[in-house]
Protein backbone atom coordinates (compact mmCIF):
# COMPACT_ATOMS: atom_id res chain seq x y z
CA UNK A 1 -58.58 -112.34 -51.63
CA UNK A 2 -58.64 -112.38 -55.40
CA UNK A 3 -61.37 -114.79 -56.44
CA UNK A 4 -61.65 -116.54 -59.76
CA UNK A 5 -65.15 -118.04 -59.66
CA UNK A 6 -66.93 -120.51 -61.89
CA UNK A 7 -70.64 -121.11 -61.34
CA UNK A 8 -73.02 -123.76 -62.57
CA UNK A 9 -76.64 -123.11 -61.69
CA UNK A 10 -79.24 -125.84 -61.73
CA UNK A 11 -82.97 -125.31 -61.78
CA UNK A 12 -84.47 -128.34 -60.08
CA UNK A 13 -87.92 -129.44 -59.02
CA UNK A 14 -88.29 -130.92 -55.57
CA UNK A 15 -91.09 -133.23 -54.54
CA UNK A 16 -89.68 -136.02 -52.42
CA UNK A 17 -86.53 -136.15 -54.57
CA UNK A 18 -85.12 -133.39 -56.76
CA UNK A 19 -84.83 -133.67 -60.52
CA UNK A 20 -82.80 -131.43 -62.83
CA UNK A 21 -84.94 -129.39 -65.19
CA UNK A 22 -82.52 -126.76 -66.62
CA UNK A 23 -78.90 -125.57 -66.41
CA UNK A 24 -77.18 -122.18 -66.78
CA UNK A 25 -73.45 -121.48 -66.33
CA UNK A 26 -70.82 -118.70 -66.00
CA UNK A 27 -67.19 -119.83 -66.31
CA UNK A 28 -64.01 -118.14 -65.07
CA UNK A 29 -60.63 -119.45 -63.96
CA UNK A 30 -60.74 -121.76 -62.04
CA UNK A 31 -63.14 -123.55 -64.38
CA UNK A 32 -65.98 -125.79 -63.20
CA UNK A 33 -67.40 -127.95 -66.00
CA UNK A 34 -69.50 -131.08 -66.62
CA UNK A 35 -71.66 -130.64 -63.56
CA UNK A 36 -74.23 -133.40 -63.08
CA UNK A 37 -76.97 -133.53 -60.42
CA UNK A 38 -78.47 -136.98 -59.74
CA UNK A 39 -81.24 -138.09 -57.45
CA UNK A 40 -80.84 -141.33 -55.65
CA UNK A 41 -83.73 -143.72 -56.18
CA UNK A 42 -83.30 -145.63 -52.93
CA UNK A 43 -85.50 -143.24 -50.96
CA UNK A 44 -82.44 -142.13 -48.96
CA UNK A 45 -83.20 -138.49 -49.81
CA UNK A 46 -79.57 -138.02 -50.86
CA UNK A 47 -78.43 -136.11 -53.93
CA UNK A 48 -75.17 -136.69 -55.81
CA UNK A 49 -73.42 -133.78 -57.52
CA UNK A 50 -70.53 -134.48 -59.91
CA UNK A 51 -68.27 -131.90 -61.51
CA UNK A 52 -64.90 -131.34 -63.10
CA UNK A 53 -62.66 -128.45 -61.95
CA UNK A 54 -59.46 -127.01 -63.34
CA UNK A 55 -57.10 -124.29 -62.08
CA UNK A 56 -54.61 -123.07 -64.66
CA UNK A 57 -52.01 -122.35 -61.99
CA UNK A 58 -52.29 -125.77 -60.39
CA UNK A 59 -53.36 -124.23 -57.10
CA UNK A 60 -55.67 -125.85 -54.60
CA UNK A 61 -59.13 -124.35 -54.39
CA UNK A 62 -62.08 -123.72 -52.11
CA UNK A 63 -65.30 -125.31 -53.42
CA UNK A 64 -68.62 -124.25 -51.93
CA UNK A 65 -72.26 -124.91 -52.76
CA UNK A 66 -75.22 -122.63 -52.03
CA UNK A 67 -78.90 -123.04 -52.78
CA UNK A 68 -81.95 -120.87 -53.31
CA UNK A 69 -85.64 -121.66 -53.19
CA UNK A 70 -86.73 -118.35 -54.74
CA UNK A 71 -84.99 -118.46 -58.12
CA UNK A 72 -81.83 -116.84 -56.82
CA UNK A 73 -83.34 -113.71 -55.29
CA UNK A 74 -81.92 -114.92 -51.99
CA UNK A 75 -79.66 -117.86 -51.26
CA UNK A 76 -81.75 -118.87 -48.31
CA UNK A 77 -81.68 -122.63 -48.56
CA UNK A 78 -78.89 -124.01 -46.40
CA UNK A 79 -76.76 -126.82 -47.75
CA UNK A 80 -74.52 -127.61 -44.82
CA UNK A 81 -75.16 -131.33 -44.75
CA UNK A 82 -72.78 -132.00 -47.62
CA UNK A 83 -69.64 -134.08 -47.91
CA UNK A 84 -67.07 -135.15 -50.46
CA UNK A 85 -65.19 -132.84 -52.82
CA UNK A 86 -66.24 -129.62 -51.12
CA UNK A 87 -64.47 -127.16 -48.83
CA UNK A 88 -60.76 -126.39 -48.68
CA UNK A 89 -57.90 -128.01 -50.51
CA UNK A 90 -59.71 -129.21 -53.62
CA UNK A 91 -57.33 -129.83 -56.51
CA UNK A 92 -57.93 -129.92 -60.24
CA UNK A 93 -59.54 -133.10 -61.51
CA UNK A 94 -62.54 -134.81 -63.08
CA UNK A 95 -65.48 -136.61 -61.53
CA UNK A 96 -65.43 -134.64 -58.29
CA UNK A 97 -68.27 -135.88 -56.09
CA UNK A 98 -70.43 -134.04 -53.54
CA UNK A 99 -73.17 -135.78 -51.51
CA UNK A 100 -76.00 -133.60 -50.17
CA UNK A 101 -78.27 -135.09 -47.54
CA UNK A 102 -81.11 -132.78 -48.43
CA UNK A 103 -83.71 -134.91 -46.71
CA UNK A 104 -81.93 -134.75 -43.35
CA UNK A 105 -81.17 -131.04 -43.68
CA UNK A 106 -84.60 -130.04 -44.92
CA UNK A 107 -87.17 -132.67 -43.79
CA UNK A 108 -90.67 -132.23 -45.22
CA UNK A 109 -89.34 -129.60 -47.63
CA UNK A 110 -91.20 -129.38 -50.91
CA UNK A 111 -90.56 -127.00 -53.78
CA UNK A 112 -90.92 -127.10 -57.51
CA UNK A 113 -87.97 -124.74 -58.05
CA UNK A 114 -84.59 -124.90 -56.32
CA UNK A 115 -81.45 -123.23 -57.66
CA UNK A 116 -78.01 -124.57 -56.74
CA UNK A 117 -74.70 -122.78 -57.27
CA UNK A 118 -71.28 -124.43 -57.13
CA UNK A 119 -68.37 -122.04 -56.70
CA UNK A 120 -64.67 -122.82 -57.11
CA UNK A 121 -62.30 -120.18 -55.78
CA UNK A 122 -58.56 -119.93 -56.15
CA UNK A 123 -57.64 -119.75 -52.49
CA UNK A 124 -54.27 -118.00 -52.93
CA UNK A 125 -54.35 -114.47 -51.61
CA UNK A 126 -53.69 -111.37 -53.69
CA UNK A 127 -50.23 -109.79 -53.91
CA UNK A 128 -49.69 -107.05 -51.32
CA UNK A 129 -49.88 -103.36 -52.25
CA UNK A 130 -46.69 -101.43 -51.47
CA UNK A 131 -47.03 -98.28 -49.36
CA UNK A 132 -43.72 -96.76 -48.16
CA UNK A 133 -41.26 -95.50 -49.16
CA UNK A 134 -43.11 -94.23 -52.19
CA UNK A 135 -41.91 -95.34 -55.59
CA UNK A 136 -38.87 -93.55 -57.05
CA UNK A 137 -38.24 -91.44 -53.95
CA UNK A 138 -34.97 -90.45 -52.30
CA UNK A 139 -34.71 -91.30 -48.62
CA UNK A 140 -32.15 -90.43 -45.96
CA UNK A 141 -31.92 -93.53 -43.80
CA UNK A 142 -29.66 -96.46 -44.66
CA UNK A 143 -31.96 -98.61 -42.50
CA UNK A 144 -35.39 -97.87 -43.97
CA UNK A 145 -38.65 -99.45 -42.85
CA UNK A 146 -40.59 -100.83 -45.81
CA UNK A 147 -44.38 -100.89 -45.48
CA UNK A 148 -47.10 -102.68 -47.44
CA UNK A 149 -50.84 -103.30 -47.12
CA UNK A 150 -52.12 -106.59 -45.72
CA UNK A 151 -53.49 -109.17 -48.14
CA UNK A 152 -56.72 -110.93 -47.17
CA UNK A 153 -56.16 -114.30 -45.45
CA UNK A 154 -52.34 -113.94 -45.67
CA UNK A 155 -50.46 -115.61 -42.84
CA UNK A 156 -46.97 -114.45 -43.85
CA UNK A 157 -45.06 -112.39 -46.39
CA UNK A 158 -41.79 -112.59 -48.32
CA UNK A 159 -39.81 -109.37 -48.79
CA UNK A 160 -37.06 -109.04 -51.38
CA UNK A 161 -34.69 -106.08 -51.77
CA UNK A 162 -32.16 -105.95 -54.58
CA UNK A 163 -29.85 -103.56 -56.37
CA UNK A 164 -31.22 -105.00 -59.64
CA UNK A 165 -34.80 -104.77 -60.85
CA UNK A 166 -34.44 -108.35 -62.10
CA UNK A 167 -33.74 -109.57 -58.53
CA UNK A 168 -30.97 -111.85 -59.80
CA UNK A 169 -29.43 -111.43 -56.36
CA UNK A 170 -30.90 -109.86 -53.25
CA UNK A 171 -29.38 -107.86 -50.42
CA UNK A 172 -32.43 -108.86 -48.35
CA UNK A 173 -34.63 -111.92 -48.98
CA UNK A 174 -36.78 -112.96 -46.04
CA UNK A 175 -39.89 -115.12 -45.95
CA UNK A 176 -42.15 -115.85 -43.00
CA UNK A 177 -42.66 -112.19 -42.07
CA UNK A 178 -45.92 -111.92 -40.15
CA UNK A 179 -46.27 -108.13 -40.09
CA UNK A 180 -46.80 -105.60 -42.85
CA UNK A 181 -43.59 -103.65 -42.29
CA UNK A 182 -39.93 -104.53 -41.99
CA UNK A 183 -36.76 -102.58 -41.25
CA UNK A 184 -33.90 -103.44 -43.59
CA UNK A 185 -30.42 -102.72 -42.24
CA UNK A 186 -27.03 -102.40 -43.84
CA UNK A 187 -27.96 -100.64 -47.08
CA UNK A 188 -25.49 -98.30 -48.74
CA UNK A 189 -25.93 -94.59 -49.23
CA UNK A 190 -25.84 -93.17 -52.75
CA UNK A 191 -27.42 -96.40 -54.03
CA UNK A 192 -30.74 -97.35 -55.64
CA UNK A 193 -32.70 -100.37 -54.43
CA UNK A 194 -35.70 -102.28 -55.77
CA UNK A 195 -38.22 -104.08 -53.55
CA UNK A 196 -41.27 -106.32 -53.80
CA UNK A 197 -43.46 -108.44 -51.52
CA UNK A 198 -45.49 -111.64 -51.91
CA UNK A 199 -48.14 -113.08 -49.58
CA UNK A 200 -48.65 -116.66 -48.43
CA UNK A 201 -51.73 -118.36 -47.03
CA UNK A 202 -52.74 -121.99 -46.53
CA UNK A 203 -53.23 -122.44 -50.26
CA UNK A 204 -49.89 -121.16 -51.43
CA UNK A 205 -47.95 -118.02 -52.27
CA UNK A 206 -49.16 -115.14 -54.42
CA UNK A 207 -47.26 -113.55 -57.23
CA UNK A 208 -44.98 -110.72 -56.19
CA UNK A 209 -46.33 -107.22 -55.92
CA UNK A 210 -45.37 -104.56 -58.40
CA UNK A 211 -41.71 -103.55 -58.04
CA UNK A 212 -40.91 -100.18 -56.49
CA UNK A 213 -37.57 -98.46 -56.10
CA UNK A 214 -35.99 -95.97 -53.73
CA UNK A 215 -32.63 -94.28 -53.60
CA UNK A 216 -30.65 -93.54 -50.46
CA UNK A 217 -29.22 -90.06 -50.36
CA UNK A 218 -25.51 -89.55 -49.68
CA UNK A 219 -24.95 -89.31 -45.96
CA UNK A 220 -23.16 -86.59 -43.98
CA UNK A 221 -19.97 -87.61 -42.23
CA UNK A 222 -20.87 -89.49 -39.03
CA UNK A 223 -21.18 -87.07 -36.13
CA UNK A 224 -20.11 -84.12 -38.27
CA UNK A 225 -22.91 -82.94 -40.59
CA UNK A 226 -21.58 -79.38 -40.87
CA UNK A 227 -18.42 -77.35 -40.32
CA UNK A 228 -18.39 -73.61 -39.60
CA UNK A 229 -15.26 -71.80 -40.75
CA UNK A 230 -14.76 -68.03 -41.01
CA UNK A 231 -18.47 -67.42 -40.40
CA UNK A 232 -19.54 -69.72 -43.24
CA UNK A 233 -21.18 -73.13 -42.71
CA UNK A 234 -20.18 -76.01 -44.97
CA UNK A 235 -21.96 -79.34 -45.27
CA UNK A 236 -20.10 -82.64 -45.20
CA UNK A 237 -20.56 -85.83 -47.20
CA UNK A 238 -19.15 -89.31 -46.63
CA UNK A 239 -17.91 -90.95 -49.83
CA UNK A 240 -16.49 -94.37 -49.19
CA UNK A 241 -13.93 -94.01 -46.42
CA UNK A 242 -13.44 -90.28 -46.98
CA UNK A 243 -15.19 -87.28 -45.42
CA UNK A 244 -15.37 -84.27 -47.76
CA UNK A 245 -16.71 -80.76 -47.55
CA UNK A 246 -19.74 -80.64 -49.82
CA UNK A 247 -18.96 -77.14 -51.10
CA UNK A 248 -15.89 -75.45 -52.56
CA UNK A 249 -13.94 -73.44 -50.04
CA UNK A 250 -14.83 -69.74 -49.91
CA UNK A 251 -12.47 -68.09 -47.50
CA UNK A 252 -10.29 -64.98 -47.61
CA UNK A 253 -10.33 -61.42 -48.86
CA UNK A 254 -11.32 -60.95 -52.50
CA UNK A 255 -8.71 -59.25 -54.64
CA UNK A 256 -9.51 -57.94 -58.10
CA UNK A 257 -7.97 -59.74 -61.02
CA UNK A 258 -7.28 -57.47 -63.97
CA UNK A 259 -3.62 -58.11 -64.70
CA UNK A 260 -0.93 -60.55 -63.67
CA UNK A 261 0.23 -57.94 -61.17
CA UNK A 262 -2.94 -58.60 -59.20
CA UNK A 263 -1.43 -61.63 -57.59
CA UNK A 264 -1.71 -63.28 -54.21
CA UNK A 265 1.21 -62.84 -51.88
CA UNK A 266 2.58 -64.45 -48.75
CA UNK A 267 1.43 -61.58 -46.56
CA UNK A 268 -0.26 -63.41 -43.66
CA UNK A 269 -3.72 -62.91 -45.18
CA UNK A 270 -5.83 -65.46 -47.02
CA UNK A 271 -6.75 -64.02 -50.42
CA UNK A 272 -9.12 -65.26 -53.09
CA UNK A 273 -10.30 -64.51 -56.60
CA UNK A 274 -14.01 -64.53 -57.50
CA UNK A 275 -15.21 -65.24 -61.03
CA UNK A 276 -15.48 -61.94 -62.93
CA UNK A 277 -14.47 -60.19 -59.68
CA UNK A 278 -17.96 -60.72 -58.34
CA UNK A 279 -18.22 -61.72 -54.67
CA UNK A 280 -21.57 -63.40 -55.35
CA UNK A 281 -19.80 -65.88 -57.59
CA UNK A 282 -17.54 -66.83 -54.69
CA UNK A 283 -20.64 -67.37 -52.56
CA UNK A 284 -21.98 -69.77 -55.19
CA UNK A 285 -18.87 -71.40 -56.62
CA UNK A 286 -16.22 -70.81 -53.98
CA UNK A 287 -12.99 -68.90 -54.45
CA UNK A 288 -10.08 -69.48 -56.83
CA UNK A 289 -6.62 -69.77 -55.34
CA UNK A 290 -3.10 -69.92 -56.62
CA UNK A 291 -1.55 -73.17 -55.47
CA UNK A 292 0.94 -71.50 -53.14
CA UNK A 293 -1.85 -69.49 -51.50
CA UNK A 294 -4.05 -72.57 -51.10
CA UNK A 295 -1.13 -74.40 -49.49
CA UNK A 296 -0.25 -71.35 -47.34
CA UNK A 297 3.21 -71.54 -48.87
CA UNK A 298 3.96 -75.08 -47.76
CA UNK A 299 4.97 -77.85 -50.16
CA UNK A 300 4.12 -80.74 -47.83
CA UNK A 301 1.51 -83.10 -49.33
CA UNK A 302 -1.61 -83.26 -47.19
CA UNK A 303 -1.00 -79.93 -45.45
CA UNK A 304 -3.91 -77.99 -43.92
CA UNK A 305 -3.31 -74.97 -46.10
CA UNK A 306 -6.37 -72.71 -46.10
CA UNK A 307 -8.69 -75.52 -44.98
CA UNK A 308 -10.35 -75.57 -41.53
CA UNK A 309 -8.46 -77.13 -38.61
CA UNK A 310 -8.69 -80.92 -38.87
CA UNK A 311 -8.99 -80.72 -42.66
CA UNK A 312 -6.42 -80.52 -45.44
CA UNK A 313 -5.78 -80.07 -49.16
CA UNK A 314 -6.19 -83.59 -50.60
CA UNK A 315 -3.18 -85.38 -52.03
CA UNK A 316 -3.07 -86.93 -55.49
CA UNK A 317 -3.46 -90.36 -53.89
CA UNK A 318 -6.55 -89.19 -52.00
CA UNK A 319 -8.13 -87.92 -55.20
CA UNK A 320 -7.37 -91.32 -56.68
CA UNK A 321 -9.18 -92.95 -53.75
CA UNK A 322 -12.19 -90.75 -54.49
CA UNK A 323 -12.11 -91.71 -58.18
CA UNK A 324 -12.13 -95.39 -57.31
CA UNK A 325 -14.95 -94.95 -54.79
CA UNK A 326 -17.23 -93.61 -57.55
CA UNK A 327 -15.98 -95.98 -60.26
CA UNK A 328 -14.20 -93.12 -62.09
CA UNK A 329 -17.62 -91.74 -63.02
CA UNK A 330 -17.35 -87.96 -62.99
CA UNK A 331 -21.10 -87.54 -63.36
CA UNK A 332 -21.55 -88.88 -59.85
CA UNK A 333 -19.40 -86.01 -58.56
CA UNK A 334 -21.28 -83.27 -60.44
CA UNK A 335 -24.38 -81.64 -59.03
CA UNK A 336 -27.62 -82.31 -60.88
CA UNK A 337 -27.96 -79.77 -63.68
CA UNK A 338 -24.20 -79.55 -64.24
CA UNK A 339 -22.89 -80.83 -67.56
CA UNK A 340 -24.76 -82.13 -70.60
CA UNK A 341 -26.15 -85.45 -71.76
CA UNK A 342 -27.37 -84.05 -75.07
CA UNK A 343 -25.85 -86.29 -77.78
CA UNK A 344 -23.01 -86.64 -78.48
CA UNK A 345 -22.18 -85.60 -74.90
CA UNK A 346 -22.49 -87.77 -71.81
CA UNK A 347 -21.47 -85.46 -68.98
CA UNK A 348 -24.73 -84.75 -67.14
CA UNK A 349 -24.32 -84.71 -63.37
CA UNK A 350 -26.21 -87.24 -61.25
CA UNK A 351 -24.65 -86.31 -57.87
CA UNK A 352 -25.22 -89.82 -56.59
CA UNK A 353 -22.04 -89.43 -54.54
CA UNK A 354 -23.24 -86.21 -52.90
CA UNK A 355 -20.00 -84.41 -53.82
CA UNK A 356 -22.13 -81.71 -55.50
CA UNK A 357 -19.41 -80.44 -57.82
CA UNK A 358 -20.12 -77.27 -59.79
CA UNK A 359 -18.53 -76.42 -63.13
CA UNK A 360 -17.11 -73.22 -61.71
CA UNK A 361 -14.51 -72.50 -64.39
CA UNK A 362 -10.96 -71.35 -63.56
CA UNK A 363 -8.71 -68.27 -63.50
CA UNK A 364 -5.90 -68.86 -65.96
CA UNK A 365 -2.32 -67.61 -65.93
CA UNK A 366 -3.32 -64.62 -68.06
CA UNK A 367 -5.51 -63.36 -65.21
CA UNK A 368 -8.66 -64.26 -67.18
CA UNK A 369 -11.72 -66.04 -65.80
CA UNK A 370 -12.83 -68.71 -68.27
CA UNK A 371 -15.04 -71.75 -68.79
CA UNK A 372 -17.78 -71.19 -66.20
CA UNK A 373 -20.27 -74.01 -66.77
CA UNK A 374 -17.73 -76.07 -68.72
CA UNK A 375 -14.95 -77.21 -66.38
CA UNK A 376 -13.87 -77.32 -62.78
CA UNK A 377 -10.40 -78.10 -61.46
CA UNK A 378 -9.46 -78.83 -57.84
CA UNK A 379 -5.93 -78.41 -56.52
CA UNK A 380 -4.19 -81.36 -54.94
CA UNK A 381 -1.37 -80.87 -52.45
CA UNK A 382 1.01 -83.09 -54.43
CA UNK A 383 3.59 -81.48 -56.68
CA UNK A 384 4.43 -82.97 -60.05
CA UNK A 385 7.66 -80.97 -60.12
CA UNK A 386 8.76 -77.53 -59.00
CA UNK A 387 6.52 -75.84 -61.58
CA UNK A 388 3.48 -78.09 -61.84
CA UNK A 389 0.96 -79.65 -59.46
CA UNK A 390 -1.55 -82.47 -59.75
CA UNK A 391 -5.22 -81.53 -59.94
CA UNK A 392 -8.58 -83.30 -60.33
CA UNK A 393 -10.80 -82.09 -63.19
CA UNK A 394 -14.41 -82.51 -64.32
CA UNK A 395 -15.76 -81.52 -67.76
CA UNK A 396 -19.27 -80.69 -68.95
CA UNK A 397 -19.28 -83.13 -71.89
CA UNK A 398 -17.74 -86.28 -70.41
CA UNK A 399 -18.16 -88.50 -67.37
CA UNK A 400 -14.45 -89.09 -66.88
CA UNK A 401 -12.55 -87.85 -63.81
CA UNK A 402 -9.28 -86.30 -64.89
CA UNK A 403 -6.21 -86.53 -62.68
CA UNK A 404 -3.45 -84.59 -64.34
CA UNK A 405 -0.91 -81.85 -63.68
CA UNK A 406 -0.55 -78.19 -64.65
CA UNK A 407 1.32 -74.99 -63.80
CA UNK A 408 1.08 -73.50 -60.34
CA UNK A 409 0.36 -70.01 -61.71
CA UNK A 410 -3.26 -70.93 -62.50
CA UNK A 411 -5.99 -70.42 -59.92
CA UNK A 412 -8.29 -73.36 -59.18
CA UNK A 413 -10.95 -74.33 -56.68
CA UNK A 414 -10.21 -75.99 -53.33
CA UNK A 415 -12.21 -78.81 -51.82
CA UNK A 416 -11.09 -79.85 -48.31
CA UNK A 417 -10.77 -83.42 -46.99
CA UNK A 418 -11.03 -84.38 -43.35
CA UNK A 419 -7.92 -85.64 -41.64
CA UNK A 420 -7.89 -89.33 -40.76
């Protein structure tokens, strides 16, 4: 419990009845002021204590009184036989009155020095301390369990989870929680959430804790985290309603590209180009394919082409669905470290979608490999006309997702989409 304590200490002399001889004070919020100690002259052996108390937050308080007969070295003099404005639920006000039946509690007690202390405490408990998930971490589960430390005297907690750090609206807002952990269901992958907790006891509700955040990593496709194809394992990622391979396709026999004569042919073999004719670049960035080779010489939109069974070359419309799912923000499709946010550019990858796109460059229609680290283009399976095909493009210096068309005699990357 966080205590704000105000103390007024009275040095009194006791014979048959006490008299006030000196006063010392230490004030904090809540404030106790204008304390007055009066002896009754009717031989009742009662003492009247008056005080004013104020809590800046308007909260109710706990008021206690303790006494010492050895100048405060020990608070050994009980003062249980008291009544009036003492105990729980005391509110701000003036002229608060405590009656101490000192004669009944301490018969035949005599002392020339008794010290009394009046304490007002703000009874509201402290805000909880958040524990898990740690601040600014990335987690896997879309149903995380949030954990916080217990606050002293708390009887319940309120947990808020929001997609905004201002908590204008909440995806989860639950009071009356009696434990110190809570599972929150139904969160979205590739999203960032903010959370905070307050504690409630019999005196009221604390301020909220500090605000922490966590991000939920993009999730693999349900029941299909990986796909093995031609001895290579690909990861999957679910983006909206679509299930994508998380890496560019790298399948086929590498052929050297020195001249236009080094071209792929409909020969029953899958063939690929690797940037600068280096197989290691195919391992990292995937292969480049002429459109006809990628489609395995079909012109049917959505055909399997060189993709694994159950997967296909995405259509223009399916690329459009992907664009909408990520709010046409190309940075969400780029892996972290791809692209630049150095002014005046704004193309740095965030990969919040999990698509993990790499700026792998292209092979152009002059048989040259160009623009590694600057662009990446992905073939669609939708023709624009007999010479051109739609593609999806990402650039290093912009966050836009390009959906345009170009000649079939270029070689681009292939990213496969799972069949419905």
